[in-house]
């Protein structure tokens, strides 16, 4: 396995000192294997948290899947907000006093 130098680094938002590093690895699985993009996430102090290898031949597919994941996440958030509103409305109705019908007897 021959790893080229990291070609891009970006900060990992919402972390202290975290980074996302991108590198190309030639023959990652031995002689004859095809190159991959290696994406490594660190949470500071150079502690590697996780790494993924994406074959260069599948970058377009992975990009599409990531776009779909973003849409699915937005949809999920909308549904959760909607469900919270429905629950809130139901609990408000339950806490309201019920109307009591009274009938007057006629003399």
N, C-alpha and C. Protein backbone atom coordinates (compact mmCIF):
# COMPACT_ATOMS: atom_id res chain seq x y z
N UNK A 1 0.86 -1.18 0.00
CA UNK A 1 0.00 0.00 0.00
C UNK A 1 0.90 1.23 0.00
N UNK A 2 0.63 2.11 -0.93
CA UNK A 2 1.41 3.34 -1.05
C UNK A 2 0.43 4.50 -0.86
N UNK A 3 0.61 5.28 0.21
CA UNK A 3 -0.31 6.39 0.47
C UNK A 3 0.36 7.69 0.06
N UNK A 4 -0.37 8.47 -0.70
CA UNK A 4 0.12 9.79 -1.07
C UNK A 4 -0.16 10.74 0.08
N UNK A 5 0.40 11.89 0.01
CA UNK A 5 0.21 12.90 1.05
C UNK A 5 -1.25 13.35 1.09
N UNK A 6 -1.66 13.82 2.25
CA UNK A 6 -3.00 14.38 2.40
C UNK A 6 -3.10 15.58 1.46
N UNK A 7 -4.15 15.61 0.64
CA UNK A 7 -4.28 16.70 -0.32
C UNK A 7 -5.26 17.77 0.13
N UNK A 8 -6.06 17.47 1.15
CA UNK A 8 -7.00 18.48 1.64
C UNK A 8 -7.33 18.20 3.10
N UNK A 9 -7.41 19.26 3.87
CA UNK A 9 -7.82 19.17 5.27
C UNK A 9 -8.84 20.26 5.53
N UNK A 10 -9.88 19.91 6.24
CA UNK A 10 -10.88 20.92 6.61
C UNK A 10 -11.24 20.73 8.08
N UNK A 11 -11.66 21.81 8.73
CA UNK A 11 -12.03 21.67 10.15
C UNK A 11 -13.32 20.87 10.29
N UNK A 12 -13.40 20.10 11.35
CA UNK A 12 -14.62 19.36 11.67
C UNK A 12 -15.46 20.27 12.55
N UNK A 13 -16.52 20.78 11.98
CA UNK A 13 -17.38 21.72 12.71
C UNK A 13 -17.93 21.08 13.96
N UNK A 14 -18.22 21.92 14.94
CA UNK A 14 -18.79 21.50 16.21
C UNK A 14 -17.87 20.56 16.99
N UNK A 15 -16.55 20.71 16.80
CA UNK A 15 -15.57 19.95 17.59
C UNK A 15 -14.41 20.88 17.90
N UNK A 16 -13.67 20.57 18.94
CA UNK A 16 -12.50 21.37 19.28
C UNK A 16 -11.26 20.73 18.67
N UNK A 17 -10.75 21.33 17.63
CA UNK A 17 -9.54 20.83 17.00
C UNK A 17 -9.74 19.64 16.08
N UNK A 18 -10.97 19.26 15.80
CA UNK A 18 -11.22 18.14 14.91
C UNK A 18 -10.96 18.50 13.46
N UNK A 19 -10.60 17.51 12.67
CA UNK A 19 -10.30 17.73 11.26
C UNK A 19 -10.85 16.59 10.41
N UNK A 20 -11.05 16.91 9.14
CA UNK A 20 -11.35 15.88 8.14
C UNK A 20 -10.21 15.96 7.13
N UNK A 21 -9.51 14.84 6.97
CA UNK A 21 -8.38 14.77 6.03
C UNK A 21 -8.74 13.89 4.85
N UNK A 22 -8.29 14.30 3.67
CA UNK A 22 -8.52 13.56 2.44
C UNK A 22 -7.18 13.18 1.82
N UNK A 23 -7.04 11.93 1.40
CA UNK A 23 -5.82 11.46 0.75
C UNK A 23 -6.19 10.43 -0.32
N UNK A 24 -5.28 10.21 -1.23
CA UNK A 24 -5.44 9.16 -2.25
C UNK A 24 -4.50 8.03 -1.86
N UNK A 25 -5.02 6.82 -1.85
CA UNK A 25 -4.17 5.65 -1.57
C UNK A 25 -4.13 4.80 -2.83
N UNK A 26 -2.93 4.61 -3.33
CA UNK A 26 -2.72 3.75 -4.50
C UNK A 26 -2.56 2.30 -4.02
N UNK A 27 -3.17 1.39 -4.66
CA UNK A 27 -3.11 -0.04 -4.35
C UNK A 27 -3.34 -0.30 -2.84
N UNK A 28 -4.49 0.13 -2.33
CA UNK A 28 -4.75 0.04 -0.89
C UNK A 28 -4.86 -1.40 -0.37
N UNK A 29 -5.24 -2.33 -1.22
CA UNK A 29 -5.48 -3.71 -0.77
C UNK A 29 -4.48 -4.68 -1.40
N UNK A 30 -3.32 -4.14 -1.76
CA UNK A 30 -2.29 -4.99 -2.36
C UNK A 30 -2.12 -4.68 -3.84
N UNK A 31 -1.12 -5.33 -4.42
CA UNK A 31 -0.77 -5.11 -5.82
C UNK A 31 -1.97 -5.40 -6.73
N UNK A 32 -2.22 -4.46 -7.61
CA UNK A 32 -3.31 -4.63 -8.57
C UNK A 32 -4.64 -4.04 -8.11
N UNK A 33 -4.77 -3.68 -6.83
CA UNK A 33 -6.04 -3.08 -6.38
C UNK A 33 -6.08 -1.62 -6.82
N UNK A 34 -7.28 -1.13 -7.03
CA UNK A 34 -7.47 0.22 -7.56
C UNK A 34 -7.42 1.27 -6.45
N UNK A 35 -7.08 2.48 -6.84
CA UNK A 35 -6.92 3.59 -5.90
C UNK A 35 -8.24 3.94 -5.22
N UNK A 36 -8.13 4.47 -4.00
CA UNK A 36 -9.28 4.92 -3.23
C UNK A 36 -9.00 6.31 -2.67
N UNK A 37 -10.07 7.02 -2.36
CA UNK A 37 -9.97 8.24 -1.58
C UNK A 37 -10.13 7.81 -0.14
N UNK A 38 -9.19 8.20 0.70
CA UNK A 38 -9.27 7.89 2.12
C UNK A 38 -9.71 9.15 2.83
N UNK A 39 -10.79 9.04 3.59
CA UNK A 39 -11.29 10.17 4.36
C UNK A 39 -11.14 9.80 5.83
N UNK A 40 -10.36 10.58 6.54
CA UNK A 40 -10.08 10.29 7.93
C UNK A 40 -10.56 11.45 8.81
N UNK A 41 -11.33 11.13 9.83
CA UNK A 41 -11.83 12.14 10.75
C UNK A 41 -11.07 12.00 12.07
N UNK A 42 -10.53 13.11 12.54
CA UNK A 42 -9.86 13.12 13.84
C UNK A 42 -10.57 14.11 14.75
N UNK A 43 -10.58 13.81 16.02
CA UNK A 43 -11.24 14.68 16.98
C UNK A 43 -10.23 15.44 17.84
N UNK A 44 -9.16 15.89 17.25
CA UNK A 44 -8.13 16.63 17.96
C UNK A 44 -7.08 15.70 18.53
N UNK A 45 -5.95 16.28 18.91
CA UNK A 45 -4.85 15.50 19.48
C UNK A 45 -4.44 14.35 18.57
N UNK A 46 -4.69 14.46 17.27
CA UNK A 46 -4.33 13.44 16.27
C UNK A 46 -4.92 12.07 16.56
N UNK A 47 -5.98 12.00 17.33
CA UNK A 47 -6.66 10.73 17.59
C UNK A 47 -7.57 10.43 16.41
N UNK A 48 -7.25 9.38 15.68
CA UNK A 48 -8.07 8.98 14.55
C UNK A 48 -9.36 8.36 15.08
N UNK A 49 -10.47 8.87 14.64
CA UNK A 49 -11.75 8.34 15.10
C UNK A 49 -12.30 7.31 14.13
N UNK A 50 -12.31 7.62 12.87
CA UNK A 50 -12.76 6.66 11.88
C UNK A 50 -12.21 7.03 10.52
N UNK A 51 -12.17 6.05 9.65
CA UNK A 51 -11.64 6.25 8.31
C UNK A 51 -12.51 5.47 7.34
N UNK A 52 -12.69 6.04 6.16
CA UNK A 52 -13.45 5.34 5.12
C UNK A 52 -12.64 5.40 3.83
N UNK A 53 -12.69 4.33 3.07
CA UNK A 53 -12.04 4.28 1.76
C UNK A 53 -13.13 4.18 0.70
N UNK A 54 -13.11 5.11 -0.22
CA UNK A 54 -14.09 5.13 -1.30
C UNK A 54 -13.35 4.91 -2.62
N UNK A 55 -13.70 3.85 -3.35
CA UNK A 55 -13.05 3.64 -4.65
C UNK A 55 -13.30 4.84 -5.57
N UNK A 56 -12.25 5.26 -6.25
CA UNK A 56 -12.37 6.41 -7.15
C UNK A 56 -13.46 6.18 -8.19
N UNK A 57 -13.69 4.94 -8.55
CA UNK A 57 -14.69 4.61 -9.56
C UNK A 57 -16.12 4.78 -9.04
N UNK A 58 -16.28 4.96 -7.74
CA UNK A 58 -17.64 5.08 -7.18
C UNK A 58 -17.92 6.44 -6.54
N UNK A 59 -17.06 7.41 -6.79
CA UNK A 59 -17.24 8.73 -6.16
C UNK A 59 -18.59 9.35 -6.52
N UNK A 60 -19.01 9.27 -7.78
CA UNK A 60 -20.30 9.87 -8.18
C UNK A 60 -21.46 9.21 -7.42
N UNK A 61 -21.42 7.90 -7.29
CA UNK A 61 -22.49 7.19 -6.58
C UNK A 61 -22.53 7.58 -5.11
N UNK A 62 -21.36 7.69 -4.51
CA UNK A 62 -21.28 8.05 -3.09
C UNK A 62 -21.76 9.48 -2.89
N UNK A 63 -21.39 10.36 -3.80
CA UNK A 63 -21.84 11.76 -3.74
C UNK A 63 -23.37 11.82 -3.79
N UNK A 64 -23.96 11.05 -4.69
CA UNK A 64 -25.42 11.02 -4.80
C UNK A 64 -26.05 10.49 -3.52
N UNK A 65 -25.47 9.44 -2.95
CA UNK A 65 -26.00 8.87 -1.71
C UNK A 65 -25.91 9.88 -0.56
N UNK A 66 -24.84 10.68 -0.53
CA UNK A 66 -24.71 11.70 0.51
C UNK A 66 -25.76 12.79 0.35
N UNK A 67 -26.04 13.17 -0.90
CA UNK A 67 -27.10 14.15 -1.15
C UNK A 67 -28.45 13.61 -0.68
N UNK A 68 -28.70 12.33 -0.97
CA UNK A 68 -29.95 11.70 -0.54
C UNK A 68 -30.03 11.64 0.97
N UNK A 69 -28.90 11.40 1.62
CA UNK A 69 -28.88 11.35 3.09
C UNK A 69 -29.24 12.71 3.67
N UNK A 70 -28.75 13.77 3.06
CA UNK A 70 -29.06 15.12 3.53
C UNK A 70 -30.56 15.41 3.40
N UNK A 71 -31.14 15.02 2.26
CA UNK A 71 -32.58 15.21 2.05
C UNK A 71 -33.38 14.39 3.06
N UNK A 72 -32.95 13.14 3.28
CA UNK A 72 -33.66 12.27 4.23
C UNK A 72 -33.60 12.84 5.64
N UNK A 73 -32.47 13.43 5.99
CA UNK A 73 -32.31 14.04 7.32
C UNK A 73 -33.27 15.22 7.48
N UNK A 74 -33.35 16.07 6.45
CA UNK A 74 -34.27 17.20 6.50
C UNK A 74 -35.72 16.73 6.63
N UNK A 75 -36.07 15.69 5.87
CA UNK A 75 -37.43 15.15 5.90
C UNK A 75 -37.74 14.60 7.29
N UNK A 76 -36.78 13.90 7.86
CA UNK A 76 -36.95 13.31 9.19
C UNK A 76 -37.17 14.41 10.23
N UNK A 77 -36.40 15.50 10.14
CA UNK A 77 -36.55 16.61 11.08
C UNK A 77 -37.94 17.25 10.96
N UNK A 78 -38.42 17.39 9.72
CA UNK A 78 -39.75 17.97 9.49
C UNK A 78 -40.82 17.08 10.11
N UNK A 79 -40.68 15.75 9.92
CA UNK A 79 -41.66 14.82 10.47
C UNK A 79 -41.65 14.84 11.99
N UNK A 80 -40.47 14.93 12.59
CA UNK A 80 -40.37 15.00 14.05
C UNK A 80 -41.04 16.26 14.57
N UNK A 81 -40.80 17.39 13.89
CA UNK A 81 -41.41 18.65 14.30
C UNK A 81 -42.92 18.57 14.17
N UNK A 82 -43.39 17.95 13.11
CA UNK A 82 -44.83 17.79 12.88
C UNK A 82 -45.43 16.91 13.97
N UNK A 83 -44.76 15.80 14.29
CA UNK A 83 -45.25 14.90 15.34
C UNK A 83 -45.29 15.58 16.70
N UNK A 84 -44.30 16.42 16.99
CA UNK A 84 -44.28 17.15 18.25
C UNK A 84 -45.48 18.09 18.32
N UNK A 85 -45.76 18.76 17.20
CA UNK A 85 -46.89 19.70 17.15
C UNK A 85 -48.21 18.96 17.34
N UNK A 86 -48.36 17.80 16.73
CA UNK A 86 -49.58 17.01 16.88
C UNK A 86 -49.73 16.58 18.33
N UNK A 87 -48.66 16.10 18.95
CA UNK A 87 -48.71 15.68 20.35
C UNK A 87 -49.06 16.85 21.25
N UNK A 88 -48.47 18.02 20.95
CA UNK A 88 -48.73 19.21 21.75
C UNK A 88 -50.20 19.60 21.64
N UNK A 89 -50.74 19.55 20.44
CA UNK A 89 -52.14 19.89 20.22
C UNK A 89 -53.05 18.91 20.96
N UNK A 90 -52.74 17.61 20.88
CA UNK A 90 -53.54 16.61 21.56
C UNK A 90 -53.50 16.80 23.07
N UNK A 91 -52.32 17.08 23.62
CA UNK A 91 -52.21 17.24 25.08
C UNK A 91 -52.92 18.51 25.52
N UNK A 92 -52.91 19.55 24.71
CA UNK A 92 -53.61 20.79 25.04
C UNK A 92 -55.12 20.53 25.08
N UNK A 93 -55.62 19.75 24.12
CA UNK A 93 -57.05 19.43 24.09
C UNK A 93 -57.43 18.58 25.30
N UNK A 94 -56.56 17.68 25.71
CA UNK A 94 -56.86 16.81 26.85
C UNK A 94 -56.90 17.59 28.14
N UNK A 95 -56.13 18.66 28.24
CA UNK A 95 -56.07 19.44 29.47
C UNK A 95 -57.18 20.47 29.58
N UNK A 96 -57.91 20.67 28.51
CA UNK A 96 -59.01 21.64 28.55
C UNK A 96 -60.22 21.00 29.23
N UNK A 97 -60.97 21.82 30.01
CA UNK A 97 -62.15 21.26 30.66
C UNK A 97 -63.17 20.83 29.62
N UNK A 98 -63.81 19.74 29.90
CA UNK A 98 -64.82 19.23 28.98
C UNK A 98 -66.12 19.96 29.21
N UNK A 99 -66.84 20.13 28.12
CA UNK A 99 -68.14 20.78 28.22
C UNK A 99 -69.13 19.78 28.83
N UNK A 100 -69.89 20.29 29.76
CA UNK A 100 -70.89 19.44 30.38
C UNK A 100 -72.26 19.94 29.90
N UNK A 101 -73.02 19.07 29.32
CA UNK A 101 -74.34 19.46 28.85
C UNK A 101 -75.32 19.27 30.00
N UNK A 102 -76.08 20.30 30.22
CA UNK A 102 -77.11 20.20 31.26
C UNK A 102 -78.47 20.40 30.61
N UNK A 103 -79.41 19.69 31.11
CA UNK A 103 -80.76 19.87 30.59
C UNK A 103 -81.62 20.33 31.75
N UNK A 104 -82.41 21.29 31.48
CA UNK A 104 -83.32 21.79 32.51
C UNK A 104 -84.63 21.03 32.43
N UNK A 105 -85.10 20.64 33.59
CA UNK A 105 -86.39 19.98 33.62
C UNK A 105 -87.48 21.04 33.54
N UNK A 106 -88.45 20.74 32.76
CA UNK A 106 -89.52 21.70 32.62
C UNK A 106 -90.61 21.38 33.63
N UNK A 107 -91.18 22.43 34.23
CA UNK A 107 -92.24 22.21 35.24
C UNK A 107 -93.53 21.71 34.70
